[in-house]
């Protein structure tokens, strides 16, 4: 038995995503991965700088808090894009 073609209105009511919706979710997913990568990179750089400056003496609180906060913000933005 062959199925009859489904109209766009019927597909929308049934919850079947169209191509534009799929493309939008793929774009959001890629953007989310990029934000996650940036956040992980910033958090790793912050950790490395903090470990290097731990015994050096100068105040490193700007690095410790600013870069870590920006990295955490990037992680949150990436998760929001991934999970919608």
Protein backbone atom coordinates (compact mmCIF):
# COMPACT_ATOMS: atom_id res chain seq x y z
CA UNK A 1 0.00 0.00 0.00
CA UNK A 2 1.34 3.41 -0.84
CA UNK A 3 0.69 6.35 1.40
CA UNK A 4 -1.08 9.43 0.16
CA UNK A 5 0.98 12.64 0.09
CA UNK A 6 0.73 14.66 3.28
CA UNK A 7 -0.19 18.31 3.03
CA UNK A 8 2.02 20.86 4.85
CA UNK A 9 -0.87 21.79 7.12
CA UNK A 10 -1.40 18.18 8.18
CA UNK A 11 2.32 17.70 8.74
CA UNK A 12 2.52 20.83 10.89
CA UNK A 13 -0.39 19.67 13.04
CA UNK A 14 1.14 16.21 13.40
CA UNK A 15 4.44 17.67 14.66
CA UNK A 16 6.48 16.68 11.63
CA UNK A 17 9.30 19.22 11.21
CA UNK A 18 9.79 20.70 7.77
CA UNK A 19 13.17 21.28 6.11
CA UNK A 20 13.43 24.89 7.33
CA UNK A 21 12.93 23.78 10.94
CA UNK A 22 15.52 21.03 10.58
CA UNK A 23 18.02 23.48 9.09
CA UNK A 24 17.38 25.92 11.95
CA UNK A 25 18.02 23.25 14.59
CA UNK A 26 21.19 22.13 12.82
CA UNK A 27 22.42 25.72 12.72
CA UNK A 28 21.67 26.17 16.44
CA UNK A 29 23.43 22.89 17.22
CA UNK A 30 26.58 23.94 15.33
CA UNK A 31 26.55 27.36 17.00
CA UNK A 32 26.10 25.71 20.39
CA UNK A 33 29.12 23.49 19.81
CA UNK A 34 31.18 26.54 18.86
CA UNK A 35 30.15 28.37 22.05
CA UNK A 36 30.94 25.27 24.11
CA UNK A 37 34.36 25.03 22.49
CA UNK A 38 35.08 28.68 23.22
CA UNK A 39 33.97 28.27 26.84
CA UNK A 40 36.10 25.19 27.35
CA UNK A 41 39.08 26.96 25.78
CA UNK A 42 38.68 30.03 28.03
CA UNK A 43 38.26 27.91 31.16
CA UNK A 44 41.38 25.90 30.29
CA UNK A 45 43.40 29.06 29.61
CA UNK A 46 42.20 30.50 32.91
CA UNK A 47 43.25 27.35 34.75
CA UNK A 48 46.69 27.32 33.13
CA UNK A 49 47.29 31.00 33.88
CA UNK A 50 46.14 30.57 37.48
CA UNK A 51 48.42 27.58 38.00
CA UNK A 52 51.38 29.45 36.50
CA UNK A 53 50.80 32.63 38.53
CA UNK A 54 49.96 30.86 41.78
CA UNK A 55 53.45 31.26 43.22
CA UNK A 56 54.59 34.24 41.15
CA UNK A 57 53.34 36.81 43.59
CA UNK A 58 51.39 39.36 41.54
CA UNK A 59 47.65 39.63 41.97
CA UNK A 60 45.92 37.44 39.44
CA UNK A 61 42.34 37.91 40.56
CA UNK A 62 41.38 39.64 37.27
CA UNK A 63 42.41 36.55 35.35
CA UNK A 64 40.90 34.24 37.90
CA UNK A 65 37.48 35.87 37.91
CA UNK A 66 37.13 37.65 34.56
CA UNK A 67 38.31 34.93 32.19
CA UNK A 68 36.57 32.22 34.20
CA UNK A 69 33.31 34.19 34.19
CA UNK A 70 33.47 34.75 30.44
CA UNK A 71 34.25 31.06 29.92
CA UNK A 72 31.32 30.01 32.10
CA UNK A 73 29.06 32.39 30.19
CA UNK A 74 30.15 30.82 26.91
CA UNK A 75 29.43 27.36 28.30
CA UNK A 76 25.94 28.39 29.38
CA UNK A 77 25.22 30.03 26.01
CA UNK A 78 26.38 26.87 24.25
CA UNK A 79 24.16 24.66 26.38
CA UNK A 80 21.18 26.93 25.77
CA UNK A 81 21.74 26.65 22.02
CA UNK A 82 22.14 22.88 22.20
CA UNK A 83 19.14 22.13 24.38
CA UNK A 84 16.95 24.98 23.22
